[in-house]
């Protein structure tokens, strides 16, 4: 018997430190043709734009895209431009754990898409 998984919707935002970062899906045509990227983090507005088609398709590619953009936000918030490799890895790992711990809707979406 085949298992059926209930699709988990992408949350509207994630909390990172004391910031609320909005997750906004944009049409693939805009993402590909205008922006020439699959996603982007914007520090001024604390917003992550994501290619809607990739997010709707789900799976590990969607997880990779969103985690990639979240790591850009960590890089920005921690001011990692001039940090050593150890400082960057330490900051990233700490905030990845924080994100999963403090954003259960995001964690459910992420794990659902890996399965």
PDB file of N, CA and C in Angstrom:
ATOM      1  N   UNK A   1       0.833  -1.178   0.000  1.00  0.00           N
ATOM      2  CA  UNK A   1       0.000   0.000   0.000  1.00  0.00           C
ATOM      3  C   UNK A   1       0.884   1.249   0.000  1.00  0.00           C
ATOM      4  N   UNK A   2       0.610   2.167  -0.893  1.00  0.00           N
ATOM      5  CA  UNK A   2       1.401   3.387  -1.017  1.00  0.00           C
ATOM      6  C   UNK A   2       1.009   4.390   0.062  1.00  0.00           C
ATOM      7  N   UNK A   3       2.026   4.957   0.717  1.00  0.00           N
ATOM      8  CA  UNK A   3       1.763   5.983   1.720  1.00  0.00           C
ATOM      9  C   UNK A   3       1.455   7.302   1.029  1.00  0.00           C
ATOM     10  N   UNK A   4       0.464   8.013   1.542  1.00  0.00           N
ATOM     11  CA  UNK A   4       0.137   9.321   1.016  1.00  0.00           C
ATOM     12  C   UNK A   4       0.522  10.363   2.060  1.00  0.00           C
ATOM     13  N   UNK A   5       1.289  11.347   1.604  1.00  0.00           N
ATOM     14  CA  UNK A   5       1.715  12.413   2.486  1.00  0.00           C
ATOM     15  C   UNK A   5       0.872  13.647   2.230  1.00  0.00           C
ATOM     16  N   UNK A   6       0.483  14.288   3.294  1.00  0.00           N
ATOM     17  CA  UNK A   6      -0.243  15.536   3.181  1.00  0.00           C
ATOM     18  C   UNK A   6       0.767  16.633   2.878  1.00  0.00           C
ATOM     19  N   UNK A   7       0.494  17.424   1.847  1.00  0.00           N
ATOM     20  CA  UNK A   7       1.401  18.500   1.475  1.00  0.00           C
ATOM     21  C   UNK A   7       1.378  19.576   2.561  1.00  0.00           C
ATOM     22  N   UNK A   8       2.556  20.004   2.959  1.00  0.00           N
ATOM     23  CA  UNK A   8       2.699  21.053   3.956  1.00  0.00           C
ATOM     24  C   UNK A   8       3.027  22.341   3.217  1.00  0.00           C
ATOM     25  N   UNK A   9       2.266  23.381   3.495  1.00  0.00           N
ATOM     26  CA  UNK A   9       2.469  24.666   2.824  1.00  0.00           C
ATOM     27  C   UNK A   9       3.678  25.389   3.399  1.00  0.00           C
ATOM     28  N   UNK A  10       4.369  26.105   2.542  1.00  0.00           N
ATOM     29  CA  UNK A  10       5.487  26.930   2.961  1.00  0.00           C
ATOM     30  C   UNK A  10       4.967  28.027   3.892  1.00  0.00           C
ATOM     31  N   UNK A  11       5.600  28.232   5.047  1.00  0.00           N
ATOM     32  CA  UNK A  11       5.127  29.304   5.934  1.00  0.00           C
ATOM     33  C   UNK A  11       5.353  30.678   5.303  1.00  0.00           C
ATOM     34  N   UNK A  12       4.651  31.678   5.825  1.00  0.00           N
ATOM     35  CA  UNK A  12       4.763  33.040   5.297  1.00  0.00           C
ATOM     36  C   UNK A  12       6.058  33.713   5.712  1.00  0.00           C
ATOM     37  N   UNK A  13       6.665  33.251   6.802  1.00  0.00           N
ATOM     38  CA  UNK A  13       7.891  33.870   7.297  1.00  0.00           C
ATOM     39  C   UNK A  13       8.645  32.889   8.175  1.00  0.00           C
ATOM     40  N   UNK A  14       9.898  33.232   8.439  1.00  0.00           N
ATOM     41  CA  UNK A  14      10.684  32.534   9.451  1.00  0.00           C
ATOM     42  C   UNK A  14      11.214  33.584  10.418  1.00  0.00           C
ATOM     43  N   UNK A  15      11.472  33.151  11.636  1.00  0.00           N
ATOM     44  CA  UNK A  15      12.091  34.027  12.627  1.00  0.00           C
ATOM     45  C   UNK A  15      13.568  33.660  12.731  1.00  0.00           C
ATOM     46  N   UNK A  16      14.401  34.679  12.666  1.00  0.00           N
ATOM     47  CA  UNK A  16      15.843  34.501  12.798  1.00  0.00           C
ATOM     48  C   UNK A  16      16.327  35.589  13.735  1.00  0.00           C
ATOM     49  N   UNK A  17      16.823  35.166  14.899  1.00  0.00           N
ATOM     50  CA  UNK A  17      17.178  36.111  15.952  1.00  0.00           C
ATOM     51  C   UNK A  17      15.923  36.924  16.263  1.00  0.00           C
ATOM     52  N   UNK A  18      15.990  38.231  16.251  1.00  0.00           N
ATOM     53  CA  UNK A  18      14.789  39.021  16.522  1.00  0.00           C
ATOM     54  C   UNK A  18      14.156  39.552  15.240  1.00  0.00           C
ATOM     55  N   UNK A  19      14.542  38.994  14.103  1.00  0.00           N
ATOM     56  CA  UNK A  19      14.002  39.396  12.805  1.00  0.00           C
ATOM     57  C   UNK A  19      12.894  38.452  12.344  1.00  0.00           C
ATOM     58  N   UNK A  20      12.006  39.001  11.577  1.00  0.00           N
ATOM     59  CA  UNK A  20      10.966  38.219  10.896  1.00  0.00           C
ATOM     60  C   UNK A  20      11.261  38.366   9.405  1.00  0.00           C
ATOM     61  N   UNK A  21      11.621  37.265   8.765  1.00  0.00           N
ATOM     62  CA  UNK A  21      11.980  37.282   7.344  1.00  0.00           C
ATOM     63  C   UNK A  21      10.823  36.683   6.551  1.00  0.00           C
ATOM     64  N   UNK A  22      10.217  37.513   5.716  1.00  0.00           N
ATOM     65  CA  UNK A  22       9.082  37.092   4.905  1.00  0.00           C
ATOM     66  C   UNK A  22       9.553  36.210   3.759  1.00  0.00           C
ATOM     67  N   UNK A  23       8.813  35.135   3.504  1.00  0.00           N
ATOM     68  CA  UNK A  23       9.088  34.232   2.380  1.00  0.00           C
ATOM     69  C   UNK A  23       8.039  34.501   1.310  1.00  0.00           C
ATOM     70  N   UNK A  24       8.468  35.013   0.190  1.00  0.00           N
ATOM     71  CA  UNK A  24       7.526  35.381  -0.859  1.00  0.00           C
ATOM     72  C   UNK A  24       7.840  34.629  -2.148  1.00  0.00           C
ATOM     73  N   UNK A  25       6.829  33.931  -2.645  1.00  0.00           N
ATOM     74  CA  UNK A  25       6.978  33.203  -3.896  1.00  0.00           C
ATOM     75  C   UNK A  25       6.624  34.129  -5.058  1.00  0.00           C
ATOM     76  N   UNK A  26       7.476  34.108  -6.078  1.00  0.00           N
ATOM     77  CA  UNK A  26       7.205  34.925  -7.265  1.00  0.00           C
ATOM     78  C   UNK A  26       7.100  33.997  -8.481  1.00  0.00           C
ATOM     79  N   UNK A  27       6.330  34.419  -9.489  1.00  0.00           N
ATOM     80  CA  UNK A  27       6.172  33.576 -10.672  1.00  0.00           C
ATOM     81  C   UNK A  27       7.520  33.204 -11.295  1.00  0.00           C
ATOM     82  N   UNK A  28       7.612  31.987 -11.787  1.00  0.00           N
ATOM     83  CA  UNK A  28       8.853  31.492 -12.385  1.00  0.00           C
ATOM     84  C   UNK A  28       9.318  32.373 -13.530  1.00  0.00           C
ATOM     85  N   UNK A  29       8.368  32.911 -14.296  1.00  0.00           N
ATOM     86  CA  UNK A  29       8.741  33.747 -15.438  1.00  0.00           C
ATOM     87  C   UNK A  29       9.520  34.981 -14.975  1.00  0.00           C
ATOM     88  N   UNK A  30       9.116  35.560 -13.876  1.00  0.00           N
ATOM     89  CA  UNK A  30       9.814  36.734 -13.346  1.00  0.00           C
ATOM     90  C   UNK A  30      11.163  36.310 -12.791  1.00  0.00           C
ATOM     91  N   UNK A  31      11.159  35.237 -12.049  1.00  0.00           N
ATOM     92  CA  UNK A  31      12.389  34.741 -11.439  1.00  0.00           C
ATOM     93  C   UNK A  31      13.439  34.422 -12.498  1.00  0.00           C
ATOM     94  N   UNK A  32      13.041  33.732 -13.542  1.00  0.00           N
ATOM     95  CA  UNK A  32      13.981  33.284 -14.569  1.00  0.00           C
ATOM     96  C   UNK A  32      14.356  34.381 -15.555  1.00  0.00           C
ATOM     97  N   UNK A  33      13.344  35.066 -16.102  1.00  0.00           N
ATOM     98  CA  UNK A  33      13.599  35.996 -17.194  1.00  0.00           C
ATOM     99  C   UNK A  33      14.053  37.372 -16.739  1.00  0.00           C
ATOM    100  N   UNK A  34      13.512  37.862 -15.637  1.00  0.00           N
ATOM    101  CA  UNK A  34      13.870  39.209 -15.182  1.00  0.00           C
ATOM    102  C   UNK A  34      15.037  39.188 -14.207  1.00  0.00           C
ATOM    103  N   UNK A  35      14.942  38.353 -13.237  1.00  0.00           N
ATOM    104  CA  UNK A  35      15.954  38.354 -12.178  1.00  0.00           C
ATOM    105  C   UNK A  35      17.103  37.391 -12.469  1.00  0.00           C
ATOM    106  N   UNK A  36      16.897  36.432 -13.356  1.00  0.00           N
ATOM    107  CA  UNK A  36      17.895  35.419 -13.691  1.00  0.00           C
ATOM    108  C   UNK A  36      18.434  34.700 -12.454  1.00  0.00           C
ATOM    109  N   UNK A  37      17.524  34.436 -11.527  1.00  0.00           N
ATOM    110  CA  UNK A  37      17.896  33.693 -10.330  1.00  0.00           C
ATOM    111  C   UNK A  37      16.686  32.941  -9.801  1.00  0.00           C
ATOM    112  N   UNK A  38      16.928  31.944  -8.987  1.00  0.00           N
ATOM    113  CA  UNK A  38      15.843  31.143  -8.436  1.00  0.00           C
ATOM    114  C   UNK A  38      15.337  31.694  -7.107  1.00  0.00           C
ATOM    115  N   UNK A  39      16.149  32.484  -6.452  1.00  0.00           N
ATOM    116  CA  UNK A  39      15.771  33.073  -5.180  1.00  0.00           C
ATOM    117  C   UNK A  39      16.707  34.203  -4.828  1.00  0.00           C
ATOM    118  N   UNK A  40      16.290  35.035  -3.884  1.00  0.00           N
ATOM    119  CA  UNK A  40      17.164  36.118  -3.431  1.00  0.00           C
ATOM    120  C   UNK A  40      16.716  36.626  -2.064  1.00  0.00           C
ATOM    121  N   UNK A  41      17.702  37.033  -1.268  1.00  0.00           N
ATOM    122  CA  UNK A  41      17.463  37.620   0.042  1.00  0.00           C
ATOM    123  C   UNK A  41      17.685  39.127  -0.065  1.00  0.00           C
ATOM    124  N   UNK A  42      16.763  39.897   0.503  1.00  0.00           N
ATOM    125  CA  UNK A  42      16.856  41.357   0.469  1.00  0.00           C
ATOM    126  C   UNK A  42      16.879  41.873   1.904  1.00  0.00           C
ATOM    127  N   UNK A  43      18.034  42.379   2.308  1.00  0.00           N
ATOM    128  CA  UNK A  43      18.241  42.783   3.701  1.00  0.00           C
ATOM    129  C   UNK A  43      17.417  44.000   4.095  1.00  0.00           C
ATOM    130  N   UNK A  44      17.205  44.935   3.197  1.00  0.00           N
ATOM    131  CA  UNK A  44      16.471  46.149   3.534  1.00  0.00           C
ATOM    132  C   UNK A  44      15.043  45.837   3.967  1.00  0.00           C
ATOM    133  N   UNK A  45      14.409  44.894   3.274  1.00  0.00           N
ATOM    134  CA  UNK A  45      13.017  44.552   3.572  1.00  0.00           C
ATOM    135  C   UNK A  45      12.871  43.258   4.376  1.00  0.00           C
ATOM    136  N   UNK A  46      13.986  42.595   4.665  1.00  0.00           N
ATOM    137  CA  UNK A  46      13.977  41.301   5.352  1.00  0.00           C
ATOM    138  C   UNK A  46      12.988  40.358   4.661  1.00  0.00           C
ATOM    139  N   UNK A  47      13.263  40.137   3.388  1.00  0.00           N
ATOM    140  CA  UNK A  47      12.379  39.339   2.550  1.00  0.00           C
ATOM    141  C   UNK A  47      13.225  38.392   1.700  1.00  0.00           C
ATOM    142  N   UNK A  48      12.716  37.165   1.549  1.00  0.00           N
ATOM    143  CA  UNK A  48      13.318  36.194   0.641  1.00  0.00           C
ATOM    144  C   UNK A  48      12.317  35.936  -0.469  1.00  0.00           C
ATOM    145  N   UNK A  49      12.762  36.150  -1.708  1.00  0.00           N
ATOM    146  CA  UNK A  49      11.940  35.852  -2.884  1.00  0.00           C
ATOM    147  C   UNK A  49      12.351  34.482  -3.412  1.00  0.00           C
ATOM    148  N   UNK A  50      11.349  33.668  -3.756  1.00  0.00           N
ATOM    149  CA  UNK A  50      11.583  32.294  -4.203  1.00  0.00           C
ATOM    150  C   UNK A  50      10.798  32.001  -5.469  1.00  0.00           C
ATOM    151  N   UNK A  51      11.403  31.268  -6.376  1.00  0.00           N
ATOM    152  CA  UNK A  51      10.736  30.837  -7.596  1.00  0.00           C
ATOM    153  C   UNK A  51       9.573  29.922  -7.214  1.00  0.00           C
ATOM    154  N   UNK A  52       8.363  30.369  -7.502  1.00  0.00           N
ATOM    155  CA  UNK A  52       7.153  29.645  -7.105  1.00  0.00           C
ATOM    156  C   UNK A  52       7.103  28.231  -7.683  1.00  0.00           C
ATOM    157  N   UNK A  53       7.535  28.061  -8.915  1.00  0.00           N
ATOM    158  CA  UNK A  53       7.517  26.747  -9.543  1.00  0.00           C
ATOM    159  C   UNK A  53       8.386  25.743  -8.805  1.00  0.00           C
ATOM    160  N   UNK A  54       9.554  26.180  -8.377  1.00  0.00           N
ATOM    161  CA  UNK A  54      10.457  25.294  -7.646  1.00  0.00           C
ATOM    162  C   UNK A  54       9.853  24.922  -6.294  1.00  0.00           C
ATOM    163  N   UNK A  55       9.285  25.905  -5.601  1.00  0.00           N
ATOM    164  CA  UNK A  55       8.676  25.636  -4.296  1.00  0.00           C
ATOM    165  C   UNK A  55       7.475  24.706  -4.453  1.00  0.00           C
ATOM    166  N   UNK A  56       6.646  24.939  -5.466  1.00  0.00           N
ATOM    167  CA  UNK A  56       5.471  24.076  -5.681  1.00  0.00           C
ATOM    168  C   UNK A  56       5.869  22.658  -6.062  1.00  0.00           C
ATOM    169  N   UNK A  57       6.971  22.506  -6.811  1.00  0.00           N
ATOM    170  CA  UNK A  57       7.440  21.162  -7.169  1.00  0.00           C
ATOM    171  C   UNK A  57       7.935  20.418  -5.931  1.00  0.00           C
ATOM    172  N   UNK A  58       8.423  21.171  -4.956  1.00  0.00           N
ATOM    173  CA  UNK A  58       8.864  20.575  -3.696  1.00  0.00           C
ATOM    174  C   UNK A  58      10.123  19.752  -3.836  1.00  0.00           C
ATOM    175  N   UNK A  59      10.300  18.865  -2.904  1.00  0.00           N
ATOM    176  CA  UNK A  59      11.457  17.982  -2.911  1.00  0.00           C
ATOM    177  C   UNK A  59      12.720  18.659  -2.414  1.00  0.00           C
ATOM    178  N   UNK A  60      13.829  17.948  -2.572  1.00  0.00           N
ATOM    179  CA  UNK A  60      15.097  18.437  -2.040  1.00  0.00           C
ATOM    180  C   UNK A  60      15.585  19.694  -2.753  1.00  0.00           C
ATOM    181  N   UNK A  61      15.183  19.894  -4.012  1.00  0.00           N
ATOM    182  CA  UNK A  61      15.605  21.104  -4.734  1.00  0.00           C
ATOM    183  C   UNK A  61      14.974  22.331  -4.084  1.00  0.00           C
ATOM    184  N   UNK A  62      13.700  22.251  -3.705  1.00  0.00           N
ATOM    185  CA  UNK A  62      13.038  23.360  -3.019  1.00  0.00           C
ATOM    186  C   UNK A  62      13.693  23.619  -1.663  1.00  0.00           C
ATOM    187  N   UNK A  63      14.029  22.551  -0.942  1.00  0.00           N
ATOM    188  CA  UNK A  63      14.697  22.698   0.357  1.00  0.00           C
ATOM    189  C   UNK A  63      16.054  23.368   0.194  1.00  0.00           C
ATOM    190  N   UNK A  64      16.796  22.947  -0.802  1.00  0.00           N
ATOM    191  CA  UNK A  64      18.114  23.514  -1.072  1.00  0.00           C
ATOM    192  C   UNK A  64      18.014  25.002  -1.392  1.00  0.00           C
ATOM    193  N   UNK A  65      17.050  25.364  -2.236  1.00  0.00           N
ATOM    194  CA  UNK A  65      16.861  26.763  -2.618  1.00  0.00           C
ATOM    195  C   UNK A  65      16.564  27.622  -1.391  1.00  0.00           C
ATOM    196  N   UNK A  66      15.606  27.203  -0.583  1.00  0.00           N
ATOM    197  CA  UNK A  66      15.225  28.008   0.572  1.00  0.00           C
ATOM    198  C   UNK A  66      16.352  28.077   1.599  1.00  0.00           C
ATOM    199  N   UNK A  67      17.011  26.969   1.883  1.00  0.00           N
ATOM    200  CA  UNK A  67      18.106  26.988   2.849  1.00  0.00           C
ATOM    201  C   UNK A  67      19.248  27.871   2.346  1.00  0.00           C
ATOM    202  N   UNK A  68      19.512  27.836   1.056  1.00  0.00           N
ATOM    203  CA  UNK A  68      20.538  28.698   0.448  1.00  0.00           C
ATOM    204  C   UNK A  68      20.242  30.166   0.749  1.00  0.00           C
ATOM    205  N   UNK A  69      19.009  30.589   0.531  1.00  0.00           N
ATOM    206  CA  UNK A  69      18.638  31.987   0.767  1.00  0.00           C
ATOM    207  C   UNK A  69      18.638  32.326   2.255  1.00  0.00           C
ATOM    208  N   UNK A  70      18.243  31.390   3.088  1.00  0.00           N
ATOM    209  CA  UNK A  70      18.299  31.615   4.533  1.00  0.00           C
ATOM    210  C   UNK A  70      19.746  31.831   4.978  1.00  0.00           C
ATOM    211  N   UNK A  71      20.668  31.059   4.407  1.00  0.00           N
ATOM    212  CA  UNK A  71      22.075  31.224   4.766  1.00  0.00           C
ATOM    213  C   UNK A  71      22.610  32.586   4.320  1.00  0.00           C
ATOM    214  N   UNK A  72      22.090  33.127   3.229  1.00  0.00           N
ATOM    215  CA  UNK A  72      22.450  34.500   2.857  1.00  0.00           C
ATOM    216  C   UNK A  72      22.003  35.474   3.946  1.00  0.00           C
ATOM    217  N   UNK A  73      20.827  35.241   4.508  1.00  0.00           N
ATOM    218  CA  UNK A  73      20.341  36.129   5.574  1.00  0.00           C
ATOM    219  C   UNK A  73      21.212  35.997   6.824  1.00  0.00           C
ATOM    220  N   UNK A  74      21.652  34.795   7.154  1.00  0.00           N
ATOM    221  CA  UNK A  74      22.549  34.604   8.291  1.00  0.00           C
ATOM    222  C   UNK A  74      23.870  35.338   8.028  1.00  0.00           C
ATOM    223  N   UNK A  75      24.408  35.188   6.840  1.00  0.00           N
ATOM    224  CA  UNK A  75      25.659  35.863   6.446  1.00  0.00           C
ATOM    225  C   UNK A  75      25.529  37.376   6.671  1.00  0.00           C
ATOM    226  N   UNK A  76      24.422  37.927   6.226  1.00  0.00           N
ATOM    227  CA  UNK A  76      24.197  39.363   6.366  1.00  0.00           C
ATOM    228  C   UNK A  76      24.040  39.762   7.841  1.00  0.00           C
ATOM    229  N   UNK A  77      23.162  39.074   8.558  1.00  0.00           N
ATOM    230  CA  UNK A  77      22.866  39.453   9.938  1.00  0.00           C
ATOM    231  C   UNK A  77      24.074  39.300  10.865  1.00  0.00           C
ATOM    232  N   UNK A  78      24.929  38.339  10.582  1.00  0.00           N
ATOM    233  CA  UNK A  78      26.113  38.115  11.405  1.00  0.00           C
ATOM    234  C   UNK A  78      27.312  38.931  10.938  1.00  0.00           C
ATOM    235  N   UNK A  79      27.185  39.659   9.820  1.00  0.00           N
ATOM    236  CA  UNK A  79      28.299  40.455   9.309  1.00  0.00           C
ATOM    237  C   UNK A  79      29.534  39.619   9.057  1.00  0.00           C
ATOM    238  N   UNK A  80      29.387  38.569   8.258  1.00  0.00           N
ATOM    239  CA  UNK A  80      30.450  37.584   8.090  1.00  0.00           C
ATOM    240  C   UNK A  80      31.444  37.889   6.976  1.00  0.00           C
ATOM    241  N   UNK A  81      31.355  39.055   6.380  1.00  0.00           N
ATOM    242  CA  UNK A  81      32.233  39.377   5.252  1.00  0.00           C
ATOM    243  C   UNK A  81      33.714  39.147   5.539  1.00  0.00           C
ATOM    244  N   UNK A  82      34.164  39.505   6.705  1.00  0.00           N
ATOM    245  CA  UNK A  82      35.596  39.423   7.001  1.00  0.00           C
ATOM    246  C   UNK A  82      35.924  38.360   8.049  1.00  0.00           C
ATOM    247  N   UNK A  83      35.020  37.426   8.259  1.00  0.00           N
ATOM    248  CA  UNK A  83      35.217  36.406   9.292  1.00  0.00           C
ATOM    249  C   UNK A  83      36.048  35.238   8.771  1.00  0.00           C
ATOM    250  N   UNK A  84      36.673  34.527   9.701  1.00  0.00           N
ATOM    251  CA  UNK A  84      37.428  33.330   9.346  1.00  0.00           C
ATOM    252  C   UNK A  84      36.471  32.190   9.028  1.00  0.00           C
ATOM    253  N   UNK A  85      36.999  31.162   8.425  1.00  0.00           N
ATOM    254  CA  UNK A  85      36.181  29.991   8.096  1.00  0.00           C
ATOM    255  C   UNK A  85      35.511  29.424   9.344  1.00  0.00           C
ATOM    256  N   UNK A  86      36.244  29.312  10.437  1.00  0.00           N
ATOM    257  CA  UNK A  86      35.685  28.749  11.671  1.00  0.00           C
ATOM    258  C   UNK A  86      34.546  29.620  12.203  1.00  0.00           C
ATOM    259  N   UNK A  87      34.713  30.932  12.155  1.00  0.00           N
ATOM    260  CA  UNK A  87      33.655  31.836  12.607  1.00  0.00           C
ATOM    261  C   UNK A  87      32.404  31.701  11.747  1.00  0.00           C
ATOM    262  N   UNK A  88      32.600  31.577  10.436  1.00  0.00           N
ATOM    263  CA  UNK A  88      31.461  31.435   9.518  1.00  0.00           C
ATOM    264  C   UNK A  88      30.734  30.128   9.785  1.00  0.00           C
ATOM    265  N   UNK A  89      31.463  29.040   9.858  1.00  0.00           N
ATOM    266  CA  UNK A  89      30.849  27.729  10.090  1.00  0.00           C
ATOM    267  C   UNK A  89      30.146  27.700  11.444  1.00  0.00           C
ATOM    268  N   UNK A  90      30.762  28.270  12.465  1.00  0.00           N
ATOM    269  CA  UNK A  90      30.146  28.312  13.790  1.00  0.00           C
ATOM    270  C   UNK A  90      28.850  29.112  13.769  1.00  0.00           C
ATOM    271  N   UNK A  91      28.874  30.280  13.162  1.00  0.00           N
ATOM    272  CA  UNK A  91      27.674  31.114  13.081  1.00  0.00           C
ATOM    273  C   UNK A  91      26.569  30.452  12.278  1.00  0.00           C
ATOM    274  N   UNK A  92      26.930  29.848  11.152  1.00  0.00           N
ATOM    275  CA  UNK A  92      25.931  29.192  10.312  1.00  0.00           C
ATOM    276  C   UNK A  92      25.286  28.026  11.054  1.00  0.00           C
ATOM    277  N   UNK A  93      26.089  27.174  11.676  1.00  0.00           N
ATOM    278  CA  UNK A  93      25.515  26.000  12.343  1.00  0.00           C
ATOM    279  C   UNK A  93      24.618  26.416  13.509  1.00  0.00           C
ATOM    280  N   UNK A  94      25.036  27.417  14.262  1.00  0.00           N
ATOM    281  CA  UNK A  94      24.214  27.897  15.374  1.00  0.00           C
ATOM    282  C   UNK A  94      22.867  28.399  14.883  1.00  0.00           C
ATOM    283  N   UNK A  95      22.869  29.182  13.814  1.00  0.00           N
ATOM    284  CA  UNK A  95      21.618  29.753  13.322  1.00  0.00           C
ATOM    285  C   UNK A  95      20.751  28.736  12.584  1.00  0.00           C
ATOM    286  N   UNK A  96      21.352  27.745  11.954  1.00  0.00           N
ATOM    287  CA  UNK A  96      20.546  26.688  11.328  1.00  0.00           C
ATOM    288  C   UNK A  96      19.743  25.963  12.412  1.00  0.00           C
ATOM    289  N   UNK A  97      20.396  25.625  13.516  1.00  0.00           N
ATOM    290  CA  UNK A  97      19.691  24.967  14.617  1.00  0.00           C
ATOM    291  C   UNK A  97      18.604  25.885  15.157  1.00  0.00           C
ATOM    292  N   UNK A  98      18.918  27.165  15.340  1.00  0.00           N
ATOM    293  CA  UNK A  98      17.932  28.132  15.830  1.00  0.00           C
ATOM    294  C   UNK A  98      16.719  28.182  14.915  1.00  0.00           C
ATOM    295  N   UNK A  99      16.954  28.212  13.611  1.00  0.00           N
ATOM    296  CA  UNK A  99      15.853  28.308  12.646  1.00  0.00           C
ATOM    297  C   UNK A  99      14.927  27.098  12.760  1.00  0.00           C
ATOM    298  N   UNK A 100      15.486  25.905  12.810  1.00  0.00           N
ATOM    299  CA  UNK A 100      14.644  24.711  12.923  1.00  0.00           C
ATOM    300  C   UNK A 100      13.927  24.653  14.272  1.00  0.00           C
ATOM    301  N   UNK A 101      14.606  25.052  15.332  1.00  0.00           N
ATOM    302  CA  UNK A 101      14.015  25.003  16.666  1.00  0.00           C
ATOM    303  C   UNK A 101      12.897  26.029  16.838  1.00  0.00           C
ATOM    304  N   UNK A 102      13.084  27.234  16.318  1.00  0.00           N
ATOM    305  CA  UNK A 102      12.138  28.328  16.557  1.00  0.00           C
ATOM    306  C   UNK A 102      11.087  28.512  15.466  1.00  0.00           C
ATOM    307  N   UNK A 103      11.138  27.689  14.437  1.00  0.00           N
ATOM    308  CA  UNK A 103      10.194  27.799  13.324  1.00  0.00           C
ATOM    309  C   UNK A 103       9.616  26.425  12.981  1.00  0.00           C
ATOM    310  N   UNK A 104       8.737  25.892  13.839  1.00  0.00           N
ATOM    311  CA  UNK A 104       8.223  24.535  13.611  1.00  0.00           C
ATOM    312  C   UNK A 104       7.468  24.379  12.287  1.00  0.00           C
ATOM    313  N   UNK A 105       6.787  25.418  11.809  1.00  0.00           N
ATOM    314  CA  UNK A 105       6.099  25.317  10.519  1.00  0.00           C
ATOM    315  C   UNK A 105       7.109  25.150   9.387  1.00  0.00           C
ATOM    316  N   UNK A 106       8.200  25.881   9.470  1.00  0.00           N
ATOM    317  CA  UNK A 106       9.267  25.737   8.481  1.00  0.00           C
ATOM    318  C   UNK A 106       9.875  24.332   8.564  1.00  0.00           C
ATOM    319  N   UNK A 107      10.141  23.869   9.775  1.00  0.00           N
ATOM    320  CA  UNK A 107      10.740  22.546   9.945  1.00  0.00           C
ATOM    321  C   UNK A 107       9.838  21.459   9.359  1.00  0.00           C
ATOM    322  N   UNK A 108       8.519  21.557   9.599  1.00  0.00           N
ATOM    323  CA  UNK A 108       7.580  20.582   9.020  1.00  0.00           C
ATOM    324  C   UNK A 108       7.610  20.633   7.494  1.00  0.00           C
ATOM    325  N   UNK A 109       7.609  21.850   6.939  1.00  0.00           N
ATOM    326  CA  UNK A 109       7.658  21.990   5.478  1.00  0.00           C
ATOM    327  C   UNK A 109       8.944  21.370   4.946  1.00  0.00           C
ATOM    328  N   UNK A 110      10.049  21.673   5.580  1.00  0.00           N
ATOM    329  CA  UNK A 110      11.361  21.192   5.127  1.00  0.00           C
ATOM    330  C   UNK A 110      11.416  19.667   5.141  1.00  0.00           C
ATOM    331  N   UNK A 111      11.092  19.054   6.277  1.00  0.00           N
ATOM    332  CA  UNK A 111      11.161  17.598   6.386  1.00  0.00           C
ATOM    333  C   UNK A 111      10.141  16.910   5.500  1.00  0.00           C
ATOM    334  N   UNK A 112       8.968  17.507   5.342  1.00  0.00           N
ATOM    335  CA  UNK A 112       7.949  16.958   4.452  1.00  0.00           C
ATOM    336  C   UNK A 112       8.478  16.894   3.025  1.00  0.00           C
ATOM    337  N   UNK A 113       9.223  17.914   2.608  1.00  0.00           N
ATOM    338  CA  UNK A 113       9.750  17.948   1.253  1.00  0.00           C
ATOM    339  C   UNK A 113      10.942  17.029   1.044  1.00  0.00           C
ATOM    340  N   UNK A 114      11.616  16.657   2.120  1.00  0.00           N
ATOM    341  CA  UNK A 114      12.710  15.697   2.001  1.00  0.00           C
ATOM    342  C   UNK A 114      12.184  14.271   1.904  1.00  0.00           C
ATOM    343  N   UNK A 115      10.946  14.060   2.331  1.00  0.00           N
ATOM    344  CA  UNK A 115      10.328  12.731   2.266  1.00  0.00           C
ATOM    345  C   UNK A 115       9.432  12.645   1.075  1.00  0.00           C
TER     346      UNK A 115
END
